[in-house]
Protein backbone atom coordinates (compact mmCIF):
# COMPACT_ATOMS: atom_id res chain seq x y z
CA UNK A 1 -0.55 10.82 -20.71
CA UNK A 2 -1.06 10.85 -16.94
CA UNK A 3 -4.25 9.43 -15.54
CA UNK A 4 -6.23 11.48 -13.09
CA UNK A 5 -6.71 9.85 -9.72
CA UNK A 6 -10.32 9.01 -9.16
CA UNK A 7 -12.22 8.84 -5.91
CA UNK A 8 -12.26 5.05 -6.32
CA UNK A 9 -8.47 5.02 -6.63
CA UNK A 10 -8.12 7.12 -3.48
CA UNK A 11 -10.49 4.77 -1.63
CA UNK A 12 -8.37 1.79 -2.67
CA UNK A 13 -5.25 3.59 -1.50
CA UNK A 14 -6.88 4.21 1.89
CA UNK A 15 -7.72 0.50 2.08
CA UNK A 16 -4.09 -0.35 1.33
CA UNK A 17 -2.82 2.06 4.00
CA UNK A 18 -5.21 0.54 6.51
CA UNK A 19 -4.13 -2.99 5.52
CA UNK A 20 -0.46 -2.11 5.96
CA UNK A 21 -1.06 -0.54 9.38
CA UNK A 22 -3.29 -3.37 10.60
CA UNK A 23 -1.04 -6.17 9.35
CA UNK A 24 2.07 -4.56 10.83
CA UNK A 25 0.37 -4.07 14.19
CA UNK A 26 -0.95 -7.66 14.28
CA UNK A 27 2.22 -9.41 13.12
CA UNK A 28 5.01 -7.09 14.21
CA UNK A 29 6.42 -6.81 10.68
CA UNK A 30 5.17 -5.33 7.39
CA UNK A 31 3.07 -7.25 4.86
CA UNK A 32 4.19 -8.42 1.44
CA UNK A 33 2.48 -7.13 -1.68
CA UNK A 34 0.64 -10.47 -1.87
CA UNK A 35 -0.51 -10.10 1.74
CA UNK A 36 -1.93 -6.68 0.90
CA UNK A 37 -3.62 -8.03 -2.23
CA UNK A 38 -5.33 -10.75 -0.19
CA UNK A 39 -6.41 -8.30 2.51
CA UNK A 40 -7.80 -5.67 0.13
CA UNK A 41 -9.28 -8.12 -2.38
CA UNK A 42 -7.10 -7.36 -5.40
CA UNK A 43 -6.75 -10.22 -7.85
CA UNK A 44 -3.12 -9.52 -8.75
CA UNK A 45 -0.10 -8.17 -6.87
CA UNK A 46 0.57 -5.82 -9.80
CA UNK A 47 -2.66 -3.94 -9.01
CA UNK A 48 -1.41 -3.42 -5.45
CA UNK A 49 2.01 -2.38 -6.72
CA UNK A 50 0.43 0.25 -8.97
CA UNK A 51 -1.40 1.79 -6.00
CA UNK A 52 1.70 1.52 -3.80
CA UNK A 53 3.68 3.44 -6.41
CA UNK A 54 1.05 6.20 -6.28
CA UNK A 55 1.20 6.23 -2.47
CA UNK A 56 4.99 6.43 -2.61
CA UNK A 57 4.79 9.34 -5.07
CA UNK A 58 2.49 11.11 -2.60
CA UNK A 59 5.02 10.51 0.21
CA UNK A 60 2.72 8.30 2.26
CA UNK A 61 4.62 5.00 2.09
CA UNK A 62 8.14 3.85 1.37
CA UNK A 63 10.11 0.61 1.09
CA UNK A 64 13.56 -0.69 0.28
CA UNK A 65 13.64 -1.64 -3.39
CA UNK A 66 14.31 -5.33 -3.87
CA UNK A 67 13.84 -6.25 -0.20
CA UNK A 68 10.87 -8.17 1.18
CA UNK A 69 8.63 -6.88 3.96
CA UNK A 70 9.95 -3.33 4.06
CA UNK A 71 6.75 -1.46 3.19
CA UNK A 72 6.06 1.17 5.83
CA UNK A 73 3.79 4.14 6.29
CA UNK A 74 5.90 7.27 6.54
CA UNK A 75 3.35 10.03 6.99
CA UNK A 76 1.63 10.08 10.37
CA UNK A 77 -2.13 9.96 10.15
CA UNK A 78 -2.06 8.47 6.65
CA UNK A 79 -3.87 5.34 7.74
């Protein structure tokens, strides 16, 4: 059974998009999942990964599977 996205979930996704954009701008390369977790305040990287998967399904972010620091925002204005 699919879970409905809640407003809270969408807010967390916006925080993640902002964290990705900010980190990339500050450092010149994308964050890791752990970097995002620390920035957004998630306790586990798996919680970030779950939200990233939802963002990827929506076409807002993408990455190279199995490669580090490849998370990028693909839809302009998403962050």
